[in-house]
Amino acid sequence: MDKLLKLSKFATRKEHRPQPVFKFFNKPLYLVRSGKEIQENEVCFRCKQELTKPEIRQILTKLYGLDVKKVKTWNKMGKIQQSNLSRQYFRKPDFKKVIVELNNPVPPSLQNFIY
């Protein structure tokens, strides 16, 4: 029984750790249209690859006042394209795609925003 009490006390202490504060300058976050149908409480963003999930969560909560429930991210490679004039190939910049699940529903006009 004593072990259970110690474990429960340890778990409560772990929850109350302060989160690190990040500086938000020069970290763009673009609202884009998702490639598939998403739920009414989800929004899709595009950002730089350096941003992490805690930074994205803090940007959305502190700067924009959104109530974030969950953040899903994955890295995408930029497309390879050919220049029309010089016939050379180049790659568009890589980016990170982010789907944010909110506690409140989002209006459909905001979900279908095109970047």
PDB file of N, CA and C in Angstrom:
ATOM      1  N   MET A   1       0.808  -1.189   0.000  1.00  0.00           N
ATOM      2  CA  MET A   1       0.000   0.000   0.000  1.00  0.00           C
ATOM      3  C   MET A   1       0.860   1.265   0.000  1.00  0.00           C
ATOM      4  N   ASP A   2       1.969   1.225   0.730  1.00  0.00           N
ATOM      5  CA  ASP A   2       2.851   2.387   0.779  1.00  0.00           C
ATOM      6  C   ASP A   2       3.454   2.701  -0.585  1.00  0.00           C
ATOM      7  N   LYS A   3       3.745   1.637  -1.355  1.00  0.00           N
ATOM      8  CA  LYS A   3       4.306   1.852  -2.685  1.00  0.00           C
ATOM      9  C   LYS A   3       3.322   2.573  -3.593  1.00  0.00           C
ATOM     10  N   LEU A   4       2.030   2.241  -3.485  1.00  0.00           N
ATOM     11  CA  LEU A   4       1.027   2.907  -4.301  1.00  0.00           C
ATOM     12  C   LEU A   4       0.920   4.389  -3.956  1.00  0.00           C
ATOM     13  N   LEU A   5       0.987   4.705  -2.666  1.00  0.00           N
ATOM     14  CA  LEU A   5       0.934   6.109  -2.269  1.00  0.00           C
ATOM     15  C   LEU A   5       2.136   6.880  -2.789  1.00  0.00           C
ATOM     16  N   LYS A   6       3.311   6.279  -2.735  1.00  0.00           N
ATOM     17  CA  LYS A   6       4.512   6.935  -3.245  1.00  0.00           C
ATOM     18  C   LYS A   6       4.414   7.159  -4.752  1.00  0.00           C
ATOM     19  N   LEU A   7       3.884   6.172  -5.464  1.00  0.00           N
ATOM     20  CA  LEU A   7       3.750   6.312  -6.907  1.00  0.00           C
ATOM     21  C   LEU A   7       2.750   7.408  -7.257  1.00  0.00           C
ATOM     22  N   SER A   8       1.644   7.480  -6.534  1.00  0.00           N
ATOM     23  CA  SER A   8       0.654   8.504  -6.843  1.00  0.00           C
ATOM     24  C   SER A   8       1.203   9.901  -6.530  1.00  0.00           C
ATOM     25  N   LYS A   9       1.976  10.050  -5.458  1.00  0.00           N
ATOM     26  CA  LYS A   9       2.576  11.346  -5.144  1.00  0.00           C
ATOM     27  C   LYS A   9       3.585  11.751  -6.212  1.00  0.00           C
ATOM     28  N   PHE A  10       4.357  10.781  -6.713  1.00  0.00           N
ATOM     29  CA  PHE A  10       5.333  11.070  -7.764  1.00  0.00           C
ATOM     30  C   PHE A  10       4.635  11.512  -9.039  1.00  0.00           C
ATOM     31  N   ALA A  11       3.510  10.881  -9.363  1.00  0.00           N
ATOM     32  CA  ALA A  11       2.786  11.229 -10.584  1.00  0.00           C
ATOM     33  C   ALA A  11       2.213  12.641 -10.485  1.00  0.00           C
ATOM     34  N   THR A  12       1.740  13.048  -9.315  1.00  0.00           N
ATOM     35  CA  THR A  12       1.190  14.398  -9.200  1.00  0.00           C
ATOM     36  C   THR A  12       2.286  15.450  -9.285  1.00  0.00           C
ATOM     37  N   ARG A  13       3.465  15.177  -8.758  1.00  0.00           N
ATOM     38  CA  ARG A  13       4.565  16.130  -8.862  1.00  0.00           C
ATOM     39  C   ARG A  13       4.993  16.300 -10.312  1.00  0.00           C
ATOM     40  N   LYS A  14       4.963  15.246 -11.085  1.00  0.00           N
ATOM     41  CA  LYS A  14       5.405  15.308 -12.478  1.00  0.00           C
ATOM     42  C   LYS A  14       4.474  16.188 -13.313  1.00  0.00           C
ATOM     43  N   GLU A  15       3.183  16.222 -12.980  1.00  0.00           N
ATOM     44  CA  GLU A  15       2.223  17.003 -13.755  1.00  0.00           C
ATOM     45  C   GLU A  15       2.407  18.501 -13.564  1.00  0.00           C
ATOM     46  N   HIS A  16       2.962  18.926 -12.441  1.00  0.00           N
ATOM     47  CA  HIS A  16       3.039  20.345 -12.134  1.00  0.00           C
ATOM     48  C   HIS A  16       4.375  20.979 -12.511  1.00  0.00           C
ATOM     49  N   ARG A  17       5.129  20.353 -13.383  1.00  0.00           N
ATOM     50  CA  ARG A  17       6.380  20.965 -13.830  1.00  0.00           C
ATOM     51  C   ARG A  17       6.088  22.158 -14.727  1.00  0.00           C
ATOM     52  N   PRO A  18       6.810  23.242 -14.576  1.00  0.00           N
ATOM     53  CA  PRO A  18       6.579  24.384 -15.472  1.00  0.00           C
ATOM     54  C   PRO A  18       7.112  24.090 -16.873  1.00  0.00           C
ATOM     55  N   GLN A  19       6.365  24.527 -17.877  1.00  0.00           N
ATOM     56  CA  GLN A  19       6.802  24.332 -19.255  1.00  0.00           C
ATOM     57  C   GLN A  19       7.807  25.411 -19.631  1.00  0.00           C
ATOM     58  N   PRO A  20       8.792  25.080 -20.471  1.00  0.00           N
ATOM     59  CA  PRO A  20       9.740  26.102 -20.899  1.00  0.00           C
ATOM     60  C   PRO A  20       9.053  27.138 -21.789  1.00  0.00           C
ATOM     61  N   VAL A  21       9.513  28.357 -21.725  1.00  0.00           N
ATOM     62  CA  VAL A  21       8.945  29.441 -22.516  1.00  0.00           C
ATOM     63  C   VAL A  21       9.798  29.610 -23.766  1.00  0.00           C
ATOM     64  N   PHE A  22       9.145  29.658 -24.924  1.00  0.00           N
ATOM     65  CA  PHE A  22       9.839  29.795 -26.198  1.00  0.00           C
ATOM     66  C   PHE A  22       9.627  31.197 -26.734  1.00  0.00           C
ATOM     67  N   LYS A  23      10.600  31.695 -27.483  1.00  0.00           N
ATOM     68  CA  LYS A  23      10.457  32.984 -28.152  1.00  0.00           C
ATOM     69  C   LYS A  23       9.885  32.737 -29.539  1.00  0.00           C
ATOM     70  N   PHE A  24       8.910  33.566 -29.944  1.00  0.00           N
ATOM     71  CA  PHE A  24       8.138  33.300 -31.148  1.00  0.00           C
ATOM     72  C   PHE A  24       8.554  34.133 -32.362  1.00  0.00           C
ATOM     73  N   PHE A  25       9.665  34.844 -32.312  1.00  0.00           N
ATOM     74  CA  PHE A  25      10.011  35.677 -33.455  1.00  0.00           C
ATOM     75  C   PHE A  25      10.550  34.813 -34.599  1.00  0.00           C
ATOM     76  N   ASN A  26      10.230  35.180 -35.817  1.00  0.00           N
ATOM     77  CA  ASN A  26      10.673  34.525 -37.051  1.00  0.00           C
ATOM     78  C   ASN A  26      10.306  33.038 -37.102  1.00  0.00           C
ATOM     79  N   LYS A  27       9.122  32.694 -36.615  1.00  0.00           N
ATOM     80  CA  LYS A  27       8.639  31.318 -36.700  1.00  0.00           C
ATOM     81  C   LYS A  27       7.256  31.343 -37.336  1.00  0.00           C
ATOM     82  N   PRO A  28       7.182  31.407 -38.674  1.00  0.00           N
ATOM     83  CA  PRO A  28       5.875  31.528 -39.329  1.00  0.00           C
ATOM     84  C   PRO A  28       5.083  30.231 -39.248  1.00  0.00           C
ATOM     85  N   LEU A  29       3.769  30.368 -39.175  1.00  0.00           N
ATOM     86  CA  LEU A  29       2.834  29.253 -39.115  1.00  0.00           C
ATOM     87  C   LEU A  29       1.684  29.615 -40.051  1.00  0.00           C
ATOM     88  N   TYR A  30       1.545  28.901 -41.183  1.00  0.00           N
ATOM     89  CA  TYR A  30       0.572  29.238 -42.213  1.00  0.00           C
ATOM     90  C   TYR A  30      -0.622  28.293 -42.150  1.00  0.00           C
ATOM     91  N   LEU A  31      -1.809  28.848 -42.229  1.00  0.00           N
ATOM     92  CA  LEU A  31      -3.026  28.066 -42.279  1.00  0.00           C
ATOM     93  C   LEU A  31      -3.226  27.584 -43.715  1.00  0.00           C
ATOM     94  N   VAL A  32      -3.409  26.273 -43.921  1.00  0.00           N
ATOM     95  CA  VAL A  32      -3.565  25.712 -45.265  1.00  0.00           C
ATOM     96  C   VAL A  32      -4.773  24.783 -45.308  1.00  0.00           C
ATOM     97  N   ARG A  33      -5.166  24.426 -46.519  1.00  0.00           N
ATOM     98  CA  ARG A  33      -6.241  23.463 -46.709  1.00  0.00           C
ATOM     99  C   ARG A  33      -5.649  22.065 -46.653  1.00  0.00           C
ATOM    100  N   SER A  34      -6.294  21.177 -45.945  1.00  0.00           N
ATOM    101  CA  SER A  34      -5.802  19.813 -45.821  1.00  0.00           C
ATOM    102  C   SER A  34      -6.079  19.042 -47.114  1.00  0.00           C
ATOM    103  N   GLY A  35      -5.276  18.020 -47.399  1.00  0.00           N
ATOM    104  CA  GLY A  35      -5.471  17.205 -48.589  1.00  0.00           C
ATOM    105  C   GLY A  35      -6.615  16.225 -48.472  1.00  0.00           C
ATOM    106  N   LYS A  36      -7.102  16.001 -47.256  1.00  0.00           N
ATOM    107  CA  LYS A  36      -8.219  15.088 -47.037  1.00  0.00           C
ATOM    108  C   LYS A  36      -9.269  15.779 -46.182  1.00  0.00           C
ATOM    109  N   GLU A  37     -10.430  15.137 -46.025  1.00  0.00           N
ATOM    110  CA  GLU A  37     -11.466  15.703 -45.174  1.00  0.00           C
ATOM    111  C   GLU A  37     -11.053  15.554 -43.714  1.00  0.00           C
ATOM    112  N   ILE A  38     -11.204  16.624 -42.970  1.00  0.00           N
ATOM    113  CA  ILE A  38     -10.845  16.601 -41.558  1.00  0.00           C
ATOM    114  C   ILE A  38     -12.089  16.896 -40.729  1.00  0.00           C
ATOM    115  N   GLN A  39     -12.000  16.618 -39.441  1.00  0.00           N
ATOM    116  CA  GLN A  39     -13.142  16.836 -38.553  1.00  0.00           C
ATOM    117  C   GLN A  39     -13.385  18.319 -38.361  1.00  0.00           C
ATOM    118  N   GLU A  40     -14.534  18.637 -37.774  1.00  0.00           N
ATOM    119  CA  GLU A  40     -14.912  20.043 -37.621  1.00  0.00           C
ATOM    120  C   GLU A  40     -14.099  20.774 -36.561  1.00  0.00           C
ATOM    121  N   ASN A  41     -13.373  20.044 -35.710  1.00  0.00           N
ATOM    122  CA  ASN A  41     -12.564  20.710 -34.689  1.00  0.00           C
ATOM    123  C   ASN A  41     -11.077  20.620 -35.008  1.00  0.00           C
ATOM    124  N   GLU A  42     -10.696  20.356 -36.263  1.00  0.00           N
ATOM    125  CA  GLU A  42      -9.287  20.274 -36.668  1.00  0.00           C
ATOM    126  C   GLU A  42      -8.949  21.357 -37.677  1.00  0.00           C
ATOM    127  N   VAL A  43      -7.708  21.828 -37.613  1.00  0.00           N
ATOM    128  CA  VAL A  43      -7.196  22.843 -38.530  1.00  0.00           C
ATOM    129  C   VAL A  43      -5.825  22.396 -38.996  1.00  0.00           C
ATOM    130  N   CYS A  44      -5.486  22.676 -40.262  1.00  0.00           N
ATOM    131  CA  CYS A  44      -4.212  22.250 -40.841  1.00  0.00           C
ATOM    132  C   CYS A  44      -3.309  23.471 -41.034  1.00  0.00           C
ATOM    133  N   PHE A  45      -2.036  23.323 -40.648  1.00  0.00           N
ATOM    134  CA  PHE A  45      -1.048  24.391 -40.779  1.00  0.00           C
ATOM    135  C   PHE A  45       0.184  23.870 -41.505  1.00  0.00           C
ATOM    136  N   ARG A  46       1.011  24.804 -41.973  1.00  0.00           N
ATOM    137  CA  ARG A  46       2.313  24.505 -42.547  1.00  0.00           C
ATOM    138  C   ARG A  46       3.324  25.419 -41.862  1.00  0.00           C
ATOM    139  N   CYS A  47       4.481  24.857 -41.476  1.00  0.00           N
ATOM    140  CA  CYS A  47       5.473  25.656 -40.765  1.00  0.00           C
ATOM    141  C   CYS A  47       6.873  25.163 -41.125  1.00  0.00           C
ATOM    142  N   LYS A  48       7.878  25.813 -40.547  1.00  0.00           N
ATOM    143  CA  LYS A  48       9.262  25.389 -40.750  1.00  0.00           C
ATOM    144  C   LYS A  48       9.523  24.090 -40.007  1.00  0.00           C
ATOM    145  N   GLN A  49      10.560  23.361 -40.434  1.00  0.00           N
ATOM    146  CA  GLN A  49      10.847  22.070 -39.838  1.00  0.00           C
ATOM    147  C   GLN A  49      11.450  22.179 -38.441  1.00  0.00           C
ATOM    148  N   GLU A  50      11.957  23.333 -38.068  1.00  0.00           N
ATOM    149  CA  GLU A  50      12.596  23.473 -36.763  1.00  0.00           C
ATOM    150  C   GLU A  50      11.586  23.515 -35.614  1.00  0.00           C
ATOM    151  N   LEU A  51      10.330  23.857 -35.903  1.00  0.00           N
ATOM    152  CA  LEU A  51       9.336  23.970 -34.838  1.00  0.00           C
ATOM    153  C   LEU A  51       8.973  22.602 -34.276  1.00  0.00           C
ATOM    154  N   THR A  52       8.825  22.528 -32.961  1.00  0.00           N
ATOM    155  CA  THR A  52       8.431  21.291 -32.298  1.00  0.00           C
ATOM    156  C   THR A  52       6.973  21.396 -31.850  1.00  0.00           C
ATOM    157  N   LYS A  53       6.421  20.280 -31.384  1.00  0.00           N
ATOM    158  CA  LYS A  53       5.028  20.262 -30.947  1.00  0.00           C
ATOM    159  C   LYS A  53       4.763  21.221 -29.781  1.00  0.00           C
ATOM    160  N   PRO A  54       5.627  21.265 -28.743  1.00  0.00           N
ATOM    161  CA  PRO A  54       5.361  22.227 -27.669  1.00  0.00           C
ATOM    162  C   PRO A  54       5.417  23.685 -28.130  1.00  0.00           C
ATOM    163  N   GLU A  55       6.322  24.000 -29.054  1.00  0.00           N
ATOM    164  CA  GLU A  55       6.398  25.365 -29.577  1.00  0.00           C
ATOM    165  C   GLU A  55       5.136  25.714 -30.355  1.00  0.00           C
ATOM    166  N   ILE A  56       4.652  24.782 -31.192  1.00  0.00           N
ATOM    167  CA  ILE A  56       3.438  25.033 -31.971  1.00  0.00           C
ATOM    168  C   ILE A  56       2.257  25.237 -31.037  1.00  0.00           C
ATOM    169  N   ARG A  57       2.161  24.415 -30.002  1.00  0.00           N
ATOM    170  CA  ARG A  57       1.069  24.535 -29.033  1.00  0.00           C
ATOM    171  C   ARG A  57       1.122  25.897 -28.333  1.00  0.00           C
ATOM    172  N   GLN A  58       2.319  26.344 -27.943  1.00  0.00           N
ATOM    173  CA  GLN A  58       2.435  27.638 -27.265  1.00  0.00           C
ATOM    174  C   GLN A  58       2.139  28.799 -28.204  1.00  0.00           C
ATOM    175  N   ILE A  59       2.545  28.702 -29.452  1.00  0.00           N
ATOM    176  CA  ILE A  59       2.248  29.768 -30.414  1.00  0.00           C
ATOM    177  C   ILE A  59       0.743  29.926 -30.563  1.00  0.00           C
ATOM    178  N   LEU A  60       0.041  28.801 -30.728  1.00  0.00           N
ATOM    179  CA  LEU A  60      -1.402  28.872 -30.956  1.00  0.00           C
ATOM    180  C   LEU A  60      -2.169  29.293 -29.704  1.00  0.00           C
ATOM    181  N   THR A  61      -1.721  28.884 -28.536  1.00  0.00           N
ATOM    182  CA  THR A  61      -2.452  29.254 -27.325  1.00  0.00           C
ATOM    183  C   THR A  61      -2.142  30.681 -26.876  1.00  0.00           C
ATOM    184  N   LYS A  62      -0.874  31.081 -26.898  1.00  0.00           N
ATOM    185  CA  LYS A  62      -0.509  32.395 -26.369  1.00  0.00           C
ATOM    186  C   LYS A  62      -0.720  33.529 -27.370  1.00  0.00           C
ATOM    187  N   LEU A  63      -0.412  33.319 -28.639  1.00  0.00           N
ATOM    188  CA  LEU A  63      -0.561  34.401 -29.606  1.00  0.00           C
ATOM    189  C   LEU A  63      -1.978  34.497 -30.161  1.00  0.00           C
ATOM    190  N   TYR A  64      -2.609  33.349 -30.438  1.00  0.00           N
ATOM    191  CA  TYR A  64      -3.908  33.358 -31.099  1.00  0.00           C
ATOM    192  C   TYR A  64      -5.064  32.992 -30.173  1.00  0.00           C
ATOM    193  N   GLY A  65      -4.781  32.543 -28.955  1.00  0.00           N
ATOM    194  CA  GLY A  65      -5.838  32.260 -27.989  1.00  0.00           C
ATOM    195  C   GLY A  65      -6.677  31.042 -28.316  1.00  0.00           C
ATOM    196  N   LEU A  66      -6.121  30.057 -29.025  1.00  0.00           N
ATOM    197  CA  LEU A  66      -6.863  28.842 -29.352  1.00  0.00           C
ATOM    198  C   LEU A  66      -6.713  27.819 -28.238  1.00  0.00           C
ATOM    199  N   ASP A  67      -7.744  27.026 -28.027  1.00  0.00           N
ATOM    200  CA  ASP A  67      -7.727  25.976 -26.999  1.00  0.00           C
ATOM    201  C   ASP A  67      -7.314  24.665 -27.662  1.00  0.00           C
ATOM    202  N   VAL A  68      -6.018  24.355 -27.631  1.00  0.00           N
ATOM    203  CA  VAL A  68      -5.443  23.211 -28.350  1.00  0.00           C
ATOM    204  C   VAL A  68      -5.599  21.944 -27.521  1.00  0.00           C
ATOM    205  N   LYS A  69      -6.087  20.887 -28.169  1.00  0.00           N
ATOM    206  CA  LYS A  69      -6.234  19.593 -27.512  1.00  0.00           C
ATOM    207  C   LYS A  69      -5.100  18.657 -27.894  1.00  0.00           C
ATOM    208  N   LYS A  70      -4.747  18.594 -29.190  1.00  0.00           N
ATOM    209  CA  LYS A  70      -3.727  17.657 -29.663  1.00  0.00           C
ATOM    210  C   LYS A  70      -3.037  18.245 -30.888  1.00  0.00           C
ATOM    211  N   VAL A  71      -1.735  17.964 -31.033  1.00  0.00           N
ATOM    212  CA  VAL A  71      -0.948  18.433 -32.176  1.00  0.00           C
ATOM    213  C   VAL A  71      -0.323  17.221 -32.865  1.00  0.00           C
ATOM    214  N   LYS A  72      -0.572  17.098 -34.177  1.00  0.00           N
ATOM    215  CA  LYS A  72       0.025  16.019 -34.967  1.00  0.00           C
ATOM    216  C   LYS A  72       0.895  16.648 -36.052  1.00  0.00           C
ATOM    217  N   THR A  73       2.142  16.180 -36.192  1.00  0.00           N
ATOM    218  CA  THR A  73       3.063  16.764 -37.168  1.00  0.00           C
ATOM    219  C   THR A  73       3.740  15.686 -37.989  1.00  0.00           C
ATOM    220  N   TRP A  74       4.176  16.053 -39.196  1.00  0.00           N
ATOM    221  CA  TRP A  74       5.074  15.213 -39.974  1.00  0.00           C
ATOM    222  C   TRP A  74       5.800  16.079 -40.998  1.00  0.00           C
ATOM    223  N   ASN A  75       7.030  15.664 -41.307  1.00  0.00           N
ATOM    224  CA  ASN A  75       7.880  16.414 -42.232  1.00  0.00           C
ATOM    225  C   ASN A  75       7.581  16.001 -43.661  1.00  0.00           C
ATOM    226  N   LYS A  76       7.565  16.976 -44.560  1.00  0.00           N
ATOM    227  CA  LYS A  76       7.303  16.726 -45.974  1.00  0.00           C
ATOM    228  C   LYS A  76       8.465  17.299 -46.782  1.00  0.00           C
ATOM    229  N   MET A  77       8.862  16.591 -47.818  1.00  0.00           N
ATOM    230  CA  MET A  77       9.902  17.082 -48.721  1.00  0.00           C
ATOM    231  C   MET A  77       9.270  17.955 -49.795  1.00  0.00           C
ATOM    232  N   GLY A  78      10.006  18.984 -50.224  1.00  0.00           N
ATOM    233  CA  GLY A  78       9.516  19.859 -51.277  1.00  0.00           C
ATOM    234  C   GLY A  78       9.513  19.155 -52.627  1.00  0.00           C
ATOM    235  N   LYS A  79       8.623  19.595 -53.504  1.00  0.00           N
ATOM    236  CA  LYS A  79       8.500  18.981 -54.830  1.00  0.00           C
ATOM    237  C   LYS A  79       9.711  19.311 -55.697  1.00  0.00           C
ATOM    238  N   ILE A  80      10.054  18.392 -56.597  1.00  0.00           N
ATOM    239  CA  ILE A  80      11.089  18.644 -57.599  1.00  0.00           C
ATOM    240  C   ILE A  80      10.394  19.190 -58.837  1.00  0.00           C
ATOM    241  N   GLN A  81      10.842  20.347 -59.303  1.00  0.00           N
ATOM    242  CA  GLN A  81      10.232  20.980 -60.459  1.00  0.00           C
ATOM    243  C   GLN A  81      11.301  21.359 -61.466  1.00  0.00           C
ATOM    244  N   GLN A  82      10.844  21.590 -62.703  1.00  0.00           N
ATOM    245  CA  GLN A  82      11.756  21.964 -63.772  1.00  0.00           C
ATOM    246  C   GLN A  82      11.468  23.396 -64.202  1.00  0.00           C
ATOM    247  N   SER A  83      12.512  24.181 -64.350  1.00  0.00           N
ATOM    248  CA  SER A  83      12.367  25.556 -64.796  1.00  0.00           C
ATOM    249  C   SER A  83      12.033  25.572 -66.279  1.00  0.00           C
ATOM    250  N   ASN A  84      11.111  26.442 -66.691  1.00  0.00           N
ATOM    251  CA  ASN A  84      10.709  26.507 -68.095  1.00  0.00           C
ATOM    252  C   ASN A  84      11.780  27.141 -68.978  1.00  0.00           C
ATOM    253  N   LEU A  85      12.507  28.103 -68.462  1.00  0.00           N
ATOM    254  CA  LEU A  85      13.468  28.828 -69.277  1.00  0.00           C
ATOM    255  C   LEU A  85      14.799  28.092 -69.421  1.00  0.00           C
ATOM    256  N   SER A  86      15.355  27.624 -68.327  1.00  0.00           N
ATOM    257  CA  SER A  86      16.694  27.044 -68.404  1.00  0.00           C
ATOM    258  C   SER A  86      16.691  25.515 -68.393  1.00  0.00           C
ATOM    259  N   ARG A  87      15.551  24.899 -68.267  1.00  0.00           N
ATOM    260  CA  ARG A  87      15.414  23.433 -68.256  1.00  0.00           C
ATOM    261  C   ARG A  87      16.256  22.787 -67.155  1.00  0.00           C
ATOM    262  N   GLN A  88      16.387  23.464 -66.049  1.00  0.00           N
ATOM    263  CA  GLN A  88      17.100  22.900 -64.909  1.00  0.00           C
ATOM    264  C   GLN A  88      16.091  22.484 -63.846  1.00  0.00           C
ATOM    265  N   TYR A  89      16.464  21.492 -63.063  1.00  0.00           N
ATOM    266  CA  TYR A  89      15.599  21.016 -61.999  1.00  0.00           C
ATOM    267  C   TYR A  89      15.952  21.715 -60.689  1.00  0.00           C
ATOM    268  N   PHE A  90      14.946  21.947 -59.873  1.00  0.00           N
ATOM    269  CA  PHE A  90      15.166  22.511 -58.556  1.00  0.00           C
ATOM    270  C   PHE A  90      14.125  21.930 -57.607  1.00  0.00           C
ATOM    271  N   ARG A  91      14.413  22.016 -56.325  1.00  0.00           N
ATOM    272  CA  ARG A  91      13.503  21.492 -55.304  1.00  0.00           C
ATOM    273  C   ARG A  91      12.939  22.648 -54.482  1.00  0.00           C
ATOM    274  N   LYS A  92      11.620  22.611 -54.272  1.00  0.00           N
ATOM    275  CA  LYS A  92      10.996  23.588 -53.388  1.00  0.00           C
ATOM    276  C   LYS A  92      11.427  23.308 -51.949  1.00  0.00           C
ATOM    277  N   PRO A  93      11.349  24.291 -51.061  1.00  0.00           N
ATOM    278  CA  PRO A  93      11.817  24.073 -49.687  1.00  0.00           C
ATOM    279  C   PRO A  93      10.978  23.032 -48.933  1.00  0.00           C
ATOM    280  N   ASP A  94      11.655  22.282 -48.057  1.00  0.00           N
ATOM    281  CA  ASP A  94      10.968  21.306 -47.225  1.00  0.00           C
ATOM    282  C   ASP A  94      10.162  22.039 -46.151  1.00  0.00           C
ATOM    283  N   PHE A  95       9.125  21.373 -45.640  1.00  0.00           N
ATOM    284  CA  PHE A  95       8.276  21.988 -44.635  1.00  0.00           C
ATOM    285  C   PHE A  95       7.707  20.918 -43.707  1.00  0.00           C
ATOM    286  N   LYS A  96       7.078  21.369 -42.642  1.00  0.00           N
ATOM    287  CA  LYS A  96       6.411  20.477 -41.691  1.00  0.00           C
ATOM    288  C   LYS A  96       4.916  20.746 -41.768  1.00  0.00           C
ATOM    289  N   LYS A  97       4.131  19.677 -41.905  1.00  0.00           N
ATOM    290  CA  LYS A  97       2.685  19.802 -41.941  1.00  0.00           C
ATOM    291  C   LYS A  97       2.146  19.505 -40.550  1.00  0.00           C
ATOM    292  N   VAL A  98       1.200  20.321 -40.091  1.00  0.00           N
ATOM    293  CA  VAL A  98       0.689  20.228 -38.727  1.00  0.00           C
ATOM    294  C   VAL A  98      -0.835  20.172 -38.776  1.00  0.00           C
ATOM    295  N   ILE A  99      -1.420  19.183 -38.096  1.00  0.00           N
ATOM    296  CA  ILE A  99      -2.866  19.152 -37.896  1.00  0.00           C
ATOM    297  C   ILE A  99      -3.113  19.329 -36.411  1.00  0.00           C
ATOM    298  N   VAL A 100      -3.872  20.367 -36.085  1.00  0.00           N
ATOM    299  CA  VAL A 100      -4.138  20.718 -34.696  1.00  0.00           C
ATOM    300  C   VAL A 100      -5.596  20.394 -34.388  1.00  0.00           C
ATOM    301  N   GLU A 101      -5.805  19.614 -33.332  1.00  0.00           N
ATOM    302  CA  GLU A 101      -7.160  19.307 -32.871  1.00  0.00           C
ATOM    303  C   GLU A 101      -7.492  20.268 -31.741  1.00  0.00           C
ATOM    304  N   LEU A 102      -8.603  20.979 -31.894  1.00  0.00           N
ATOM    305  CA  LEU A 102      -9.025  21.979 -30.919  1.00  0.00           C
ATOM    306  C   LEU A 102     -10.175  21.450 -30.079  1.00  0.00           C
ATOM    307  N   ASN A 103     -10.397  22.055 -28.927  1.00  0.00           N
ATOM    308  CA  ASN A 103     -11.528  21.670 -28.079  1.00  0.00           C
ATOM    309  C   ASN A 103     -12.838  22.262 -28.582  1.00  0.00           C
ATOM    310  N   ASN A 104     -12.785  23.353 -29.343  1.00  0.00           N
ATOM    311  CA  ASN A 104     -13.977  24.006 -29.879  1.00  0.00           C
ATOM    312  C   ASN A 104     -14.068  23.759 -31.374  1.00  0.00           C
ATOM    313  N   PRO A 105     -15.279  23.678 -31.949  1.00  0.00           N
ATOM    314  CA  PRO A 105     -15.392  23.510 -33.402  1.00  0.00           C
ATOM    315  C   PRO A 105     -14.930  24.759 -34.147  1.00  0.00           C
ATOM    316  N   VAL A 106     -14.413  24.535 -35.340  1.00  0.00           N
ATOM    317  CA  VAL A 106     -13.894  25.611 -36.183  1.00  0.00           C
ATOM    318  C   VAL A 106     -14.900  25.865 -37.300  1.00  0.00           C
ATOM    319  N   PRO A 107     -15.169  27.117 -37.683  1.00  0.00           N
ATOM    320  CA  PRO A 107     -16.082  27.360 -38.787  1.00  0.00           C
ATOM    321  C   PRO A 107     -15.564  26.764 -40.095  1.00  0.00           C
ATOM    322  N   PRO A 108     -16.456  26.254 -40.951  1.00  0.00           N
ATOM    323  CA  PRO A 108     -16.001  25.612 -42.206  1.00  0.00           C
ATOM    324  C   PRO A 108     -15.249  26.547 -43.138  1.00  0.00           C
ATOM    325  N   SER A 109     -15.547  27.843 -43.100  1.00  0.00           N
ATOM    326  CA  SER A 109     -14.822  28.778 -43.965  1.00  0.00           C
ATOM    327  C   SER A 109     -13.347  28.844 -43.595  1.00  0.00           C
ATOM    328  N   LEU A 110     -13.033  28.664 -42.338  1.00  0.00           N
ATOM    329  CA  LEU A 110     -11.633  28.675 -41.891  1.00  0.00           C
ATOM    330  C   LEU A 110     -10.931  27.365 -42.221  1.00  0.00           C
ATOM    331  N   GLN A 111     -11.682  26.256 -42.266  1.00  0.00           N
ATOM    332  CA  GLN A 111     -11.077  24.961 -42.572  1.00  0.00           C
ATOM    333  C   GLN A 111     -10.645  24.866 -44.029  1.00  0.00           C
ATOM    334  N   ASN A 112     -11.362  25.508 -44.942  1.00  0.00           N
ATOM    335  CA  ASN A 112     -11.073  25.390 -46.366  1.00  0.00           C
ATOM    336  C   ASN A 112     -10.183  26.510 -46.884  1.00  0.00           C
ATOM    337  N   PHE A 113      -9.431  27.135 -46.013  1.00  0.00           N
ATOM    338  CA  PHE A 113      -8.534  28.220 -46.400  1.00  0.00           C
ATOM    339  C   PHE A 113      -7.407  27.661 -47.272  1.00  0.00           C
ATOM    340  N   ILE A 114      -7.059  28.368 -48.346  1.00  0.00           N
ATOM    341  CA  ILE A 114      -6.027  27.900 -49.281  1.00  0.00           C
ATOM    342  C   ILE A 114      -4.796  28.747 -49.107  1.00  0.00           C
ATOM    343  N   TYR A 115      -3.626  28.096 -48.975  1.00  0.00           N
ATOM    344  CA  TYR A 115      -2.351  28.800 -48.862  1.00  0.00           C
ATOM    345  C   TYR A 115      -1.820  29.099 -50.231  1.00  0.00           C
TER     346      TYR A 115
END
